[in-house]
């Protein structure tokens, strides 16, 4: 599927064909040659660097082996008959001791053991001789030293005791040189005939000589070596603090690999950065010499070749794209702009017009596109206006249905009052009716001040109070700061009429209609019409709330008459002018009364 789409794209335009040709002729051959060259150079340089690093580790291991081999020559002192006699005898022999110390000096002069700090011998009973203090007698049993116990059980072994492995008994005064930073080479002294262990020889070697080997041998620019034992415990670490921290972090990695082979190398990730690790094993001591360096330093030369190749390929591709851009700019760019504007128009943004220049086919297409957008916008605006006018016409028709019925009842009241010679009441009723219709007309305006709306509803209540004087009372309580607030005309009167006819009238005794207004937060105020009539049952209340949510385009049925045409009209008009978040809210308790509230914004919308 992807292959077919790619072929379709290549055949779709001259631009795609030119781009494909340039990419094939320049980029692909260069990338292929560069990849092969890089891979071969990387493998060659990397293998060479790793081999060279492993050779450095082997050389460091050989240096340590030579050091211990040279020092190990001193173990031949254990075969001296005078030494055997001294250790085997229970009495002190001055001549034997003097001869042994002379032998120590002879070995030092012959082999120049500058790194050897002390040579000591001790028998199984604590009698011994030391190069530093001469003949001595230990206060404790020497076999309490675990290293001597190992040599007693395995007399052919030679132990290399590092400072970290030293036993407290290795530091007894009169036995070993008091410095603690020493490497102790221990071996058993055996009787020549029976091969019975008669004592032990201890050679103390200054460990700084090994530390010098480590510090003077490096890998790359920041690499280093350190020494661990067979179980991964550190013996010698670099003297630099940063390298000590890195060596400590490598311990867990080293324990995982366990260094199964005597020598080798591997790559490990440390804190997200690859580290090249090389190791070799000392034949004399069994220690493992571990070297660590960032892999980036080991393969630095190969990375430089890679950078050159990448830069060459990138420059070639850039040159190709630049050449292609200038060749196709005047032909393709107008099409791309037209495509972009079409996508914006498809998403609903009808202001996405094309700036045309020239007289070619593409410019003509852009002008046609702009004309189409203007026609679409005009049709949309026309359709929206028609829908709004239809809704307003329907609402005004509903509004007009109220006035004839009310006018008929009012005129009927005037007639019977005139016949009864109630002239003052007739005058009052006519004046109220005049104010009522004057405000209803309002020169065709849909918005009037709240004080005019209150005067309009008060005129209505005066007229109705004359007809229902035995059952109707009313109160109006509005803060003066709200009187000049614009409001939709004929908002309160239909709600008051609904309270009278469906609440107070059915109560059949004196009732009260209370009209109030109070300012709310967020730039809103609430109009409330409350009556103490018969209220509404819960079932019918739910039906009313559902009917109020029906769009105004749906015709009212006979079952909906109970909520009144006027109340429904107010609800739909408020939603039309203020938005769907506003409208009429009804609360009622059966046989107690009903409260109708209307929350609207203080700043009205422009009158359409």
Protein backbone atom coordinates (compact mmCIF):
# COMPACT_ATOMS: atom_id res chain seq x y z
CA UNK A 1 0.00 0.00 0.00
CA UNK A 2 2.78 2.42 0.90
CA UNK A 3 4.68 1.48 -2.24
CA UNK A 4 1.66 2.28 -4.40
CA UNK A 5 1.17 5.63 -2.71
CA UNK A 6 4.83 6.49 -3.27
CA UNK A 7 4.55 5.71 -6.97
CA UNK A 8 1.39 7.78 -7.24
CA UNK A 9 3.13 10.71 -5.57
CA UNK A 10 6.15 10.50 -7.90
CA UNK A 11 3.91 10.48 -10.97
CA UNK A 12 1.66 13.24 -9.66
CA UNK A 13 3.83 16.24 -10.63
CA UNK A 14 7.03 17.38 -12.31
CA UNK A 15 8.22 18.59 -8.93
CA UNK A 16 8.09 15.10 -7.44
CA UNK A 17 9.94 13.61 -10.42
CA UNK A 18 12.73 16.21 -10.25
CA UNK A 19 13.12 15.73 -6.51
CA UNK A 20 13.29 11.95 -6.87
CA UNK A 21 15.91 12.24 -9.61
CA UNK A 22 18.13 14.61 -7.64
CA UNK A 23 17.93 12.47 -4.51
CA UNK A 24 18.85 9.29 -6.37
CA UNK A 25 21.76 10.82 -8.31
CA UNK A 26 23.38 12.53 -5.33
CA UNK A 27 22.28 11.35 -1.92
CA UNK A 28 21.87 7.59 -2.27
CA UNK A 29 25.33 6.80 -3.79
CA UNK A 30 27.03 9.08 -1.28
CA UNK A 31 25.16 7.58 1.64
CA UNK A 32 25.98 4.05 0.46
CA UNK A 33 29.70 4.75 0.03
CA UNK A 34 29.83 6.67 3.27
CA UNK A 35 28.07 3.93 5.21
CA UNK A 36 30.43 1.23 3.94
CA UNK A 37 33.49 3.41 4.57
CA UNK A 38 32.33 4.34 8.01
CA UNK A 39 31.52 0.77 9.01
CA UNK A 40 34.87 -0.56 7.88
CA UNK A 41 36.86 2.28 9.41
CA UNK A 42 34.90 2.08 12.62
CA UNK A 43 35.44 -1.66 12.97
CA UNK A 44 39.14 -1.38 12.12
CA UNK A 45 39.88 1.55 14.40
CA UNK A 46 37.69 0.18 17.16
CA UNK A 47 39.33 -3.27 17.09
CA UNK A 48 42.77 -1.67 16.98
CA UNK A 49 41.99 0.61 19.92
CA UNK A 50 40.52 -2.24 21.96
CA UNK A 51 43.52 -4.46 21.23
CA UNK A 52 45.93 -1.66 22.15
CA UNK A 53 44.04 -1.04 25.38
CA UNK A 54 44.11 -4.76 26.22
CA UNK A 55 47.87 -4.77 25.60
CA UNK A 56 48.24 -1.88 28.05
CA UNK A 57 46.32 -3.90 30.64
CA UNK A 58 48.50 -6.96 29.95
CA UNK A 59 51.64 -4.85 30.36
CA UNK A 60 50.39 -3.54 33.68
CA UNK A 61 49.68 -7.09 34.78
CA UNK A 62 53.18 -8.17 33.73
CA UNK A 63 54.72 -5.29 35.68
CA UNK A 64 52.90 -6.43 38.79
CA UNK A 65 53.89 -10.07 38.16
CA UNK A 66 57.57 -9.10 37.74
CA UNK A 67 57.42 -7.11 40.97
CA UNK A 68 56.08 -10.07 42.93
CA UNK A 69 58.43 -12.49 41.19
CA UNK A 70 61.41 -10.39 42.24
CA UNK A 71 60.17 -10.02 45.79
CA UNK A 72 59.33 -13.71 45.81
CA UNK A 73 63.05 -14.46 45.56
CA UNK A 74 63.25 -13.54 49.25
CA UNK A 75 61.11 -16.58 50.06
CA UNK A 76 64.21 -18.67 49.36
CA UNK A 77 65.37 -17.56 52.82
CA UNK A 78 62.98 -20.14 54.21
CA UNK A 79 65.30 -22.90 52.87
CA UNK A 80 68.32 -21.60 54.83
CA UNK A 81 69.48 -24.21 57.45
CA UNK A 82 70.24 -21.45 59.91
CA UNK A 83 66.68 -20.23 59.64
CA UNK A 84 65.41 -23.76 60.25
CA UNK A 85 67.61 -24.13 63.29
CA UNK A 86 66.47 -20.77 64.66
CA UNK A 87 62.82 -21.53 64.22
CA UNK A 88 63.04 -25.13 65.38
CA UNK A 89 65.06 -24.33 68.49
CA UNK A 90 63.26 -23.24 71.64
CA UNK A 91 66.22 -21.24 72.92
CA UNK A 92 67.66 -18.04 71.58
CA UNK A 93 70.85 -18.45 69.59
CA UNK A 94 72.63 -15.18 69.10
CA UNK A 95 74.86 -16.51 66.34
CA UNK A 96 71.89 -17.86 64.38
CA UNK A 97 70.05 -14.57 64.67
CA UNK A 98 73.09 -12.58 63.59
CA UNK A 99 73.65 -14.85 60.60
CA UNK A 100 69.99 -14.56 59.55
CA UNK A 101 70.09 -10.75 59.70
CA UNK A 102 73.32 -10.78 57.73
CA UNK A 103 71.61 -12.92 55.10
CA UNK A 104 68.78 -10.37 54.93
CA UNK A 105 71.28 -7.60 54.26
CA UNK A 106 73.04 -9.70 51.63
CA UNK A 107 69.80 -10.23 49.70
CA UNK A 108 68.99 -6.53 49.85
CA UNK A 109 72.39 -5.54 48.50
CA UNK A 110 72.18 -8.15 45.75
CA UNK A 111 68.62 -7.55 44.46
CA UNK A 112 68.12 -3.89 45.53
CA UNK A 113 64.74 -4.44 47.16
CA UNK A 114 63.84 -0.78 47.69
CA UNK A 115 60.12 -1.45 47.92
CA UNK A 116 60.52 -4.17 50.62
CA UNK A 117 59.88 -2.57 54.02
CA UNK A 118 60.58 -5.53 56.31
CA UNK A 119 61.31 -9.28 56.41
CA UNK A 120 60.01 -11.27 59.38
CA UNK A 121 60.01 -14.94 60.47
CA UNK A 122 58.15 -16.57 63.33
CA UNK A 123 57.79 -20.18 64.54
CA UNK A 124 54.68 -21.90 65.80
CA UNK A 125 55.35 -20.78 69.38
CA UNK A 126 55.68 -17.06 68.74
CA UNK A 127 59.48 -16.85 68.63
CA UNK A 128 60.61 -14.80 65.68
CA UNK A 129 63.11 -12.50 64.09
CA UNK A 130 62.47 -9.26 62.23
CA UNK A 131 64.69 -7.18 60.04
CA UNK A 132 63.48 -4.07 61.85
CA UNK A 133 63.59 -5.08 65.52
CA UNK A 134 65.62 -8.31 65.61
CA UNK A 135 64.62 -11.27 67.77
CA UNK A 136 61.17 -11.07 69.44
CA UNK A 137 58.61 -13.20 71.23
CA UNK A 138 54.88 -12.81 70.50
CA UNK A 139 52.48 -12.52 73.44
CA UNK A 140 49.76 -14.49 71.65
CA UNK A 141 49.61 -17.73 69.75
CA UNK A 142 50.57 -16.98 66.11
CA UNK A 143 48.11 -19.60 64.92
CA UNK A 144 45.33 -17.27 65.92
CA UNK A 145 46.21 -15.39 62.77
CA UNK A 146 43.86 -16.81 60.08
CA UNK A 147 46.51 -16.42 57.37
CA UNK A 148 48.96 -18.59 59.31
CA UNK A 149 46.19 -21.15 59.81
CA UNK A 150 45.66 -21.31 56.03
CA UNK A 151 49.40 -21.81 55.47
CA UNK A 152 49.52 -24.51 58.17
CA UNK A 153 46.80 -26.45 56.33
CA UNK A 154 48.17 -25.65 52.85
CA UNK A 155 51.95 -25.28 53.29
CA UNK A 156 52.64 -24.99 49.54
CA UNK A 157 50.60 -21.82 49.10
CA UNK A 158 51.94 -18.27 48.99
CA UNK A 159 49.55 -15.63 50.30
CA UNK A 160 49.49 -12.02 49.10
CA UNK A 161 47.72 -10.06 51.81
CA UNK A 162 46.58 -6.56 50.85
CA UNK A 163 45.91 -3.81 53.41
CA UNK A 164 42.15 -4.35 53.08
CA UNK A 165 42.55 -8.09 53.83
CA UNK A 166 45.00 -7.69 56.72
CA UNK A 167 44.10 -9.31 60.05
CA UNK A 168 44.56 -7.37 63.31
CA UNK A 169 47.12 -9.96 64.38
CA UNK A 170 49.20 -8.99 61.34
CA UNK A 171 49.92 -5.69 63.09
CA UNK A 172 51.27 -7.05 66.38
CA UNK A 173 54.17 -5.04 67.74
CA UNK A 174 57.41 -6.92 67.45
CA UNK A 175 56.21 -9.02 64.52
CA UNK A 176 55.43 -6.83 61.58
CA UNK A 177 56.55 -3.40 60.59
CA UNK A 178 54.07 -0.92 62.07
CA UNK A 179 53.07 0.69 58.76
CA UNK A 180 49.58 -0.38 57.65
CA UNK A 181 49.81 0.40 53.93
CA UNK A 182 51.77 -2.70 53.04
CA UNK A 183 51.31 -5.84 51.01
CA UNK A 184 52.32 -8.88 53.03
CA UNK A 185 53.69 -11.89 51.17
CA UNK A 186 53.38 -14.91 53.46
CA UNK A 187 54.68 -18.46 53.07
CA UNK A 188 55.22 -21.48 55.32
CA UNK A 189 58.71 -22.58 56.43
CA UNK A 190 58.92 -26.38 56.18
CA UNK A 191 61.35 -28.85 57.72
CA UNK A 192 63.50 -30.11 54.85
CA UNK A 193 63.17 -33.83 55.59
CA UNK A 194 59.65 -34.24 57.00
CA UNK A 195 58.21 -31.17 55.29
CA UNK A 196 56.57 -30.32 58.56
CA UNK A 197 55.62 -26.66 59.00
CA UNK A 198 57.92 -25.14 61.62
CA UNK A 199 57.18 -21.44 61.05
CA UNK A 200 56.25 -18.68 58.65
CA UNK A 201 58.06 -16.01 56.65
CA UNK A 202 56.45 -12.60 56.01
CA UNK A 203 57.75 -10.05 53.49
CA UNK A 204 56.21 -6.57 53.79
CA UNK A 205 56.04 -4.72 50.45
CA UNK A 206 55.22 -1.01 50.18
CA UNK A 207 51.85 -0.88 48.37
CA UNK A 208 52.66 2.55 46.89
CA UNK A 209 54.73 0.83 44.19
CA UNK A 210 51.54 -0.87 42.88
CA UNK A 211 49.59 2.39 43.16
CA UNK A 212 52.28 4.10 41.06
CA UNK A 213 51.86 1.43 38.39
CA UNK A 214 48.09 2.13 38.34
CA UNK A 215 48.31 5.92 38.34
CA UNK A 216 50.99 6.00 35.63
CA UNK A 217 49.00 3.79 33.27
CA UNK A 218 45.98 5.37 31.56
CA UNK A 219 43.44 4.60 28.83
CA UNK A 220 42.50 7.29 26.36
CA UNK A 221 42.19 10.77 27.83
CA UNK A 222 40.22 10.15 31.03
CA UNK A 223 40.40 6.36 31.43
CA UNK A 224 42.03 4.66 34.41
CA UNK A 225 42.97 1.26 35.90
CA UNK A 226 42.13 -0.29 39.25
CA UNK A 227 42.72 -3.70 40.84
CA UNK A 228 40.17 -6.07 42.39
CA UNK A 229 40.43 -9.57 43.81
CA UNK A 230 38.76 -12.75 42.56
CA UNK A 231 35.39 -11.89 44.16
CA UNK A 232 35.32 -8.30 42.91
CA UNK A 233 36.50 -6.61 46.10
CA UNK A 234 38.60 -3.49 45.36
CA UNK A 235 42.30 -3.71 46.25
CA UNK A 236 43.85 -0.66 44.62
CA UNK A 237 41.91 2.30 43.23
CA UNK A 238 43.20 5.41 41.43
CA UNK A 239 44.46 8.25 43.57
CA UNK A 240 42.33 10.86 41.74
CA UNK A 241 38.98 11.41 43.55
CA UNK A 242 36.90 11.40 40.33
CA UNK A 243 38.40 8.10 39.23
CA UNK A 244 37.80 6.64 42.69
CA UNK A 245 34.09 7.42 42.38
CA UNK A 246 33.90 5.88 38.90
CA UNK A 247 35.79 2.80 40.07
CA UNK A 248 33.29 2.38 42.91
CA UNK A 249 30.38 2.63 40.44
CA UNK A 250 31.90 -0.11 38.30
CA UNK A 251 31.95 -2.67 41.11
CA UNK A 252 28.38 -3.82 40.50
CA UNK A 253 29.05 -4.22 36.77
CA UNK A 254 32.20 -6.21 37.43
CA UNK A 255 30.44 -8.56 39.84
CA UNK A 256 27.78 -9.28 37.23
CA UNK A 257 30.30 -10.31 34.58
CA UNK A 258 32.50 -12.16 37.13
CA UNK A 259 35.39 -12.11 34.67
CA UNK A 260 35.06 -15.76 33.65
CA UNK A 261 37.91 -15.49 31.14
CA UNK A 262 41.46 -14.56 32.23
CA UNK A 263 41.41 -11.52 29.97
CA UNK A 264 38.94 -9.72 27.74
CA UNK A 265 36.84 -6.61 27.22
CA UNK A 266 33.22 -5.54 27.03
CA UNK A 267 31.05 -2.42 26.85
CA UNK A 268 28.81 -1.37 29.71
CA UNK A 269 26.41 1.55 30.11
CA UNK A 270 27.14 3.77 33.09
CA UNK A 271 24.62 6.56 33.78
CA UNK A 272 23.48 6.43 30.17
CA UNK A 273 27.02 6.63 28.75
CA UNK A 274 28.76 3.55 27.26
CA UNK A 275 32.01 2.61 29.00
CA UNK A 276 34.70 0.39 27.46
CA UNK A 277 36.03 -2.02 30.11
CA UNK A 278 39.16 -4.16 29.65
CA UNK A 279 40.58 -6.63 32.16
CA UNK A 280 43.42 -9.11 32.59
CA UNK A 281 44.46 -11.45 35.43
CA UNK A 282 47.81 -11.37 37.23
CA UNK A 283 49.37 -14.85 37.15
CA UNK A 284 51.40 -14.26 40.32
CA UNK A 285 48.73 -12.74 42.56
CA UNK A 286 45.42 -13.76 40.97
CA UNK A 287 44.37 -10.13 41.06
CA UNK A 288 42.25 -8.73 38.23
CA UNK A 289 43.50 -5.52 36.62
CA UNK A 290 40.47 -3.60 35.30
CA UNK A 291 40.65 -0.61 32.97
CA UNK A 292 37.73 1.68 32.16
CA UNK A 293 37.35 4.53 29.67
CA UNK A 294 34.46 6.18 27.81
CA UNK A 295 33.77 4.29 24.60
CA UNK A 296 33.67 7.65 22.83
CA UNK A 297 37.40 8.10 23.52
CA UNK A 298 38.26 4.61 22.31
CA UNK A 299 36.51 5.06 18.96
CA UNK A 300 37.19 8.78 18.63
CA UNK A 301 38.93 8.48 15.27
CA UNK A 302 36.07 6.46 13.80
CA UNK A 303 33.58 9.05 15.06
CA UNK A 304 35.53 11.78 13.30
CA UNK A 305 35.20 9.85 10.04
CA UNK A 306 31.49 9.45 10.67
CA UNK A 307 31.10 13.20 11.21
CA UNK A 308 32.87 13.94 7.94
CA UNK A 309 30.59 11.53 6.09
CA UNK A 310 27.43 12.90 7.71
CA UNK A 311 28.43 16.48 6.93
CA UNK A 312 29.20 15.58 3.32
CA UNK A 313 25.88 13.84 2.82
CA UNK A 314 23.97 16.64 4.57
CA UNK A 315 25.63 19.30 2.41
CA UNK A 316 24.86 17.34 -0.74
CA UNK A 317 21.22 16.94 0.21
CA UNK A 318 21.03 20.62 1.15
CA UNK A 319 22.49 21.60 -2.20
CA UNK A 320 19.98 19.35 -3.98
CA UNK A 321 17.01 20.77 -2.08
CA UNK A 322 18.20 24.34 -2.64
CA UNK A 323 18.58 23.77 -6.37
CA UNK A 324 15.17 22.15 -6.50
CA UNK A 325 13.61 25.02 -4.54
CA UNK A 326 14.82 27.69 -6.94
CA UNK A 327 13.83 25.65 -10.00
CA UNK A 328 10.25 25.06 -8.88
CA UNK A 329 9.56 28.16 -6.80
CA UNK A 330 7.50 30.12 -9.32
CA UNK A 331 5.60 27.08 -10.58
CA UNK A 332 4.83 25.12 -7.42
CA UNK A 333 4.60 27.74 -4.68
CA UNK A 334 1.27 29.25 -5.86
CA UNK A 335 -0.26 25.77 -5.95
CA UNK A 336 0.95 25.08 -2.42
CA UNK A 337 -0.53 28.34 -1.16
CA UNK A 338 -3.84 27.56 -2.84
CA UNK A 339 -3.82 24.09 -1.29
CA UNK A 340 -3.15 25.54 2.17
CA UNK A 341 -6.00 28.04 1.89
CA UNK A 342 -8.36 25.34 0.64
CA UNK A 343 -7.60 23.21 3.70
CA UNK A 344 -8.35 26.16 5.98
CA UNK A 345 -11.60 26.80 4.16
CA UNK A 346 -12.52 23.11 4.48
CA UNK A 347 -12.01 23.35 8.26
CA UNK A 348 -14.53 26.23 8.41
CA UNK A 349 -12.31 29.32 8.11
CA UNK A 350 -13.99 31.16 5.22
CA UNK A 351 -11.59 34.14 5.38
CA UNK A 352 -8.81 31.99 3.85
CA UNK A 353 -8.51 33.91 0.60
CA UNK A 354 -5.70 33.52 -1.93
CA UNK A 355 -3.52 36.45 -2.92
CA UNK A 356 -3.30 36.11 -6.66
CA UNK A 357 -0.73 37.58 -9.04
CA UNK A 358 -0.31 37.07 -12.76
CA UNK A 359 -2.69 35.91 -15.44
CA UNK A 360 -1.92 32.19 -15.72
CA UNK A 361 -4.20 29.27 -14.96
CA UNK A 362 -3.17 29.08 -11.28
CA UNK A 363 -3.97 32.75 -10.69
CA UNK A 364 -7.35 32.29 -12.40
CA UNK A 365 -8.02 29.29 -10.16
CA UNK A 366 -7.21 31.38 -7.08
CA UNK A 367 -9.64 34.12 -8.13
CA UNK A 368 -12.36 31.55 -8.71
CA UNK A 369 -11.69 30.12 -5.26
CA UNK A 370 -12.03 33.56 -3.66
CA UNK A 371 -15.32 34.14 -5.47
CA UNK A 372 -16.63 30.79 -4.27
CA UNK A 373 -15.77 31.65 -0.64
CA UNK A 374 -17.63 34.97 -0.89
CA UNK A 375 -20.71 33.22 -2.25
CA UNK A 376 -20.57 30.58 0.50
CA UNK A 377 -20.29 33.27 3.19
CA UNK A 378 -23.21 35.21 1.68
CA UNK A 379 -25.40 32.11 1.56
CA UNK A 380 -24.51 31.16 5.15
CA UNK A 381 -25.31 34.65 6.43
CA UNK A 382 -28.55 34.67 4.49
CA UNK A 383 -29.54 31.29 5.89
CA UNK A 384 -28.72 32.36 9.46
CA UNK A 385 -30.68 35.59 9.12
CA UNK A 386 -33.67 33.75 7.68
CA UNK A 387 -33.69 31.30 10.56
CA UNK A 388 -33.48 34.09 13.11
CA UNK A 389 -36.27 36.01 11.43
CA UNK A 390 -38.41 32.87 11.35
CA UNK A 391 -37.87 32.32 15.07
CA UNK A 392 -38.57 35.97 15.88
CA UNK A 393 -41.70 35.93 13.73
CA UNK A 394 -42.95 32.82 15.54
CA UNK A 395 -42.28 34.42 18.93
CA UNK A 396 -43.94 37.68 17.93
CA UNK A 397 -46.95 35.69 16.67
CA UNK A 398 -47.19 34.03 20.08
CA UNK A 399 -46.83 37.46 21.69
CA UNK A 400 -49.63 38.83 19.50
CA UNK A 401 -51.91 35.96 20.59
CA UNK A 402 -51.90 37.33 24.12
CA UNK A 403 -53.11 40.87 23.43
CA UNK A 404 -56.53 40.27 21.72
CA UNK A 405 -57.78 38.01 24.51
CA UNK A 406 -56.60 40.42 27.20
CA UNK A 407 -58.03 43.42 25.33
CA UNK A 408 -61.43 41.73 24.98
CA UNK A 409 -61.65 41.01 28.70
CA UNK A 410 -60.54 44.53 29.63
CA UNK A 411 -63.04 46.25 27.33
CA UNK A 412 -65.77 44.02 28.70
CA UNK A 413 -64.87 45.20 32.19
CA UNK A 414 -65.00 48.87 31.06
CA UNK A 415 -68.46 48.33 29.59
CA UNK A 416 -70.04 46.89 32.70
CA UNK A 417 -68.33 49.52 34.91
CA UNK A 418 -69.66 52.30 32.68
CA UNK A 419 -73.12 50.78 32.83
CA UNK A 420 -72.80 50.76 36.60
CA UNK A 421 -71.80 54.48 36.54
CA UNK A 422 -68.39 53.75 38.11
CA UNK A 423 -66.77 56.63 36.29
CA UNK A 424 -63.62 56.93 38.45
CA UNK A 425 -62.85 53.25 38.05
CA UNK A 426 -63.50 53.49 34.32
CA UNK A 427 -60.99 56.36 34.05
CA UNK A 428 -58.40 54.46 36.08
CA UNK A 429 -58.91 51.33 34.00
CA UNK A 430 -58.64 53.21 30.70
CA UNK A 431 -55.47 54.99 31.83
CA UNK A 432 -53.89 51.69 32.88
CA UNK A 433 -54.88 50.10 29.56
CA UNK A 434 -53.40 53.06 27.69
CA UNK A 435 -50.06 52.77 29.52
CA UNK A 436 -50.12 49.00 29.00
CA UNK A 437 -50.41 49.25 25.20
CA UNK A 438 -48.09 52.26 24.95
CA UNK A 439 -45.27 50.27 26.55
CA UNK A 440 -46.23 47.13 24.56
CA UNK A 441 -45.68 49.03 21.33
CA UNK A 442 -42.56 51.02 22.39
CA UNK A 443 -42.12 52.23 18.81
CA UNK A 444 -41.26 48.70 17.68
CA UNK A 445 -38.24 48.39 20.02
CA UNK A 446 -37.48 45.03 21.64
CA UNK A 447 -35.43 46.54 24.50
CA UNK A 448 -36.80 48.88 27.16
CA UNK A 449 -35.55 49.97 30.63
CA UNK A 450 -36.52 47.78 33.56
CA UNK A 451 -38.58 50.66 35.05
CA UNK A 452 -40.78 50.69 31.90
CA UNK A 453 -41.18 46.91 32.10
CA UNK A 454 -42.25 47.27 35.74
CA UNK A 455 -44.71 50.05 34.82
CA UNK A 456 -46.09 47.79 32.09
CA UNK A 457 -46.67 44.87 34.45
CA UNK A 458 -48.07 47.21 37.14
CA UNK A 459 -50.62 48.55 34.60
CA UNK A 460 -51.56 44.95 33.85
CA UNK A 461 -51.98 44.17 37.57
CA UNK A 462 -54.11 47.31 38.10
CA UNK A 463 -56.45 46.17 35.33
CA UNK A 464 -56.63 42.60 36.66
CA UNK A 465 -57.02 43.77 40.26
CA UNK A 466 -60.20 45.62 39.27
CA UNK A 467 -61.54 42.41 37.81
CA UNK A 468 -60.37 40.15 40.66
CA UNK A 469 -60.38 42.58 43.60
CA UNK A 470 -61.45 39.87 46.02
CA UNK A 471 -58.57 37.49 45.32
CA UNK A 472 -55.61 39.54 44.02
CA UNK A 473 -52.93 41.58 45.80
CA UNK A 474 -49.45 42.40 44.52
CA UNK A 475 -46.07 43.81 45.65
CA UNK A 476 -43.16 45.18 43.62
CA UNK A 477 -39.69 45.35 45.25
CA UNK A 478 -36.81 46.38 42.95
CA UNK A 479 -33.59 48.16 43.89
CA UNK A 480 -33.35 51.63 42.29
CA UNK A 481 -29.88 50.87 40.82
CA UNK A 482 -31.48 48.33 38.46
CA UNK A 483 -34.30 50.51 37.10
CA UNK A 484 -32.38 51.73 34.05
CA UNK A 485 -31.05 48.29 33.13
CA UNK A 486 -32.13 47.32 29.58
CA UNK A 487 -34.38 44.28 29.36
CA UNK A 488 -36.42 42.51 26.69
CA UNK A 489 -39.93 43.95 26.39
CA UNK A 490 -42.85 41.78 27.57
CA UNK A 491 -40.67 39.67 29.87
CA UNK A 492 -42.52 40.00 33.18
CA UNK A 493 -46.17 40.35 32.09
CA UNK A 494 -46.57 36.80 30.69
CA UNK A 495 -45.04 35.35 33.88
CA UNK A 496 -47.37 37.46 36.08
CA UNK A 497 -50.36 36.44 33.95
CA UNK A 498 -49.39 32.78 34.37
CA UNK A 499 -49.18 33.27 38.17
CA UNK A 500 -52.64 34.88 38.21
CA UNK A 501 -54.55 32.42 36.05
CA UNK A 502 -52.85 29.15 37.08
CA UNK A 503 -52.03 29.99 40.69
CA UNK A 504 -54.10 32.71 42.42
CA UNK A 505 -57.36 32.28 40.47
CA UNK A 506 -57.58 28.54 41.17
CA UNK A 507 -56.96 29.19 44.88
CA UNK A 508 -60.41 30.89 45.09
CA UNK A 509 -59.42 33.15 47.95
CA UNK A 510 -57.13 36.11 48.51
CA UNK A 511 -53.66 35.61 47.03
CA UNK A 512 -50.44 37.62 46.66
CA UNK A 513 -48.15 38.08 43.65
CA UNK A 514 -44.73 39.47 44.58
CA UNK A 515 -42.28 40.85 41.97
CA UNK A 516 -38.64 41.45 42.97
CA UNK A 517 -35.21 41.97 41.37
CA UNK A 518 -31.74 41.69 42.87
CA UNK A 519 -28.24 42.10 41.51
CA UNK A 520 -26.02 39.02 41.34
CA UNK A 521 -22.31 38.41 40.79
CA UNK A 522 -20.71 38.05 37.34
CA UNK A 523 -22.67 41.03 35.92
CA UNK A 524 -26.13 39.47 36.20
CA UNK A 525 -29.42 40.20 37.97
CA UNK A 526 -32.37 37.97 38.83
CA UNK A 527 -36.07 38.73 38.33
CA UNK A 528 -38.45 36.77 40.58
CA UNK A 529 -42.25 36.41 40.31
CA UNK A 530 -43.66 34.56 43.32
CA UNK A 531 -47.25 33.67 44.16
CA UNK A 532 -48.93 31.81 47.01
CA UNK A 533 -51.44 30.05 44.77
CA UNK A 534 -52.26 26.35 44.50
CA UNK A 535 -48.79 25.40 43.17
CA UNK A 536 -47.97 22.58 40.76
CA UNK A 537 -47.79 18.83 41.34
CA UNK A 538 -44.34 17.12 40.99
CA UNK A 539 -45.47 15.08 37.98
CA UNK A 540 -46.79 18.11 36.12
CA UNK A 541 -43.75 20.10 37.17
CA UNK A 542 -41.47 17.62 35.43
CA UNK A 543 -43.62 17.80 32.29
CA UNK A 544 -43.39 21.61 32.27
CA UNK A 545 -39.60 21.60 32.60
CA UNK A 546 -39.25 19.15 29.73
CA UNK A 547 -41.60 21.22 27.53
CA UNK A 548 -39.60 24.39 28.16
CA UNK A 549 -36.54 22.72 26.64
CA UNK A 550 -38.35 21.96 23.36
CA UNK A 551 -37.14 24.22 20.46
CA UNK A 552 -39.43 27.08 19.47
CA UNK A 553 -39.78 25.59 15.98
CA UNK A 554 -41.98 22.81 17.41
CA UNK A 555 -45.64 23.75 17.68
CA UNK A 556 -47.33 23.82 21.11
CA UNK A 557 -49.97 21.15 21.73
CA UNK A 558 -53.15 21.33 23.76
CA UNK A 559 -51.42 19.55 26.65
CA UNK A 560 -48.90 22.40 26.83
CA UNK A 561 -51.51 25.09 27.41
CA UNK A 562 -51.15 24.62 31.17
CA UNK A 563 -47.75 26.34 31.14
CA UNK A 564 -49.21 29.24 29.12
CA UNK A 565 -48.20 30.56 25.74
CA UNK A 566 -46.72 33.60 27.41
CA UNK A 567 -44.38 31.72 29.76
CA UNK A 568 -43.11 29.58 26.91
CA UNK A 569 -42.70 32.71 24.78
CA UNK A 570 -40.57 34.42 27.46
CA UNK A 571 -38.38 31.37 27.89
CA UNK A 572 -37.68 31.05 24.16
CA UNK A 573 -37.10 34.79 23.66
CA UNK A 574 -34.56 34.93 26.52
CA UNK A 575 -32.68 31.95 25.12
CA UNK A 576 -32.72 33.47 21.63
CA UNK A 577 -31.39 36.88 22.65
CA UNK A 578 -29.11 36.00 25.60
CA UNK A 579 -28.03 32.47 24.81
CA UNK A 580 -28.94 28.89 25.75
CA UNK A 581 -27.43 29.27 29.25
CA UNK A 582 -30.28 31.59 30.26
CA UNK A 583 -34.03 31.10 30.52
CA UNK A 584 -36.94 30.59 32.93
CA UNK A 585 -36.49 28.49 36.11
CA UNK A 586 -39.57 27.24 38.00
CA UNK A 587 -39.89 26.00 41.57
CA UNK A 588 -43.23 25.00 43.07
CA UNK A 589 -44.75 23.26 46.09
CA UNK A 590 -48.24 21.92 45.57
CA UNK A 591 -50.94 23.84 47.52
CA UNK A 592 -48.33 26.37 48.72
CA UNK A 593 -47.25 28.40 45.72
CA UNK A 594 -44.91 28.84 42.78
CA UNK A 595 -41.69 30.81 42.21
CA UNK A 596 -40.51 31.71 38.71
CA UNK A 597 -36.98 33.19 38.41
CA UNK A 598 -35.19 34.65 35.43
CA UNK A 599 -31.40 35.32 35.54
CA UNK A 600 -30.16 37.56 32.73
CA UNK A 601 -26.98 39.60 32.10
CA UNK A 602 -27.00 43.31 32.91
CA UNK A 603 -25.21 44.20 29.66
CA UNK A 604 -27.64 43.19 26.93
CA UNK A 605 -26.72 42.22 23.39
CA UNK A 606 -27.24 44.60 20.52
CA UNK A 607 -30.80 44.71 19.29
CA UNK A 608 -30.85 42.78 15.97
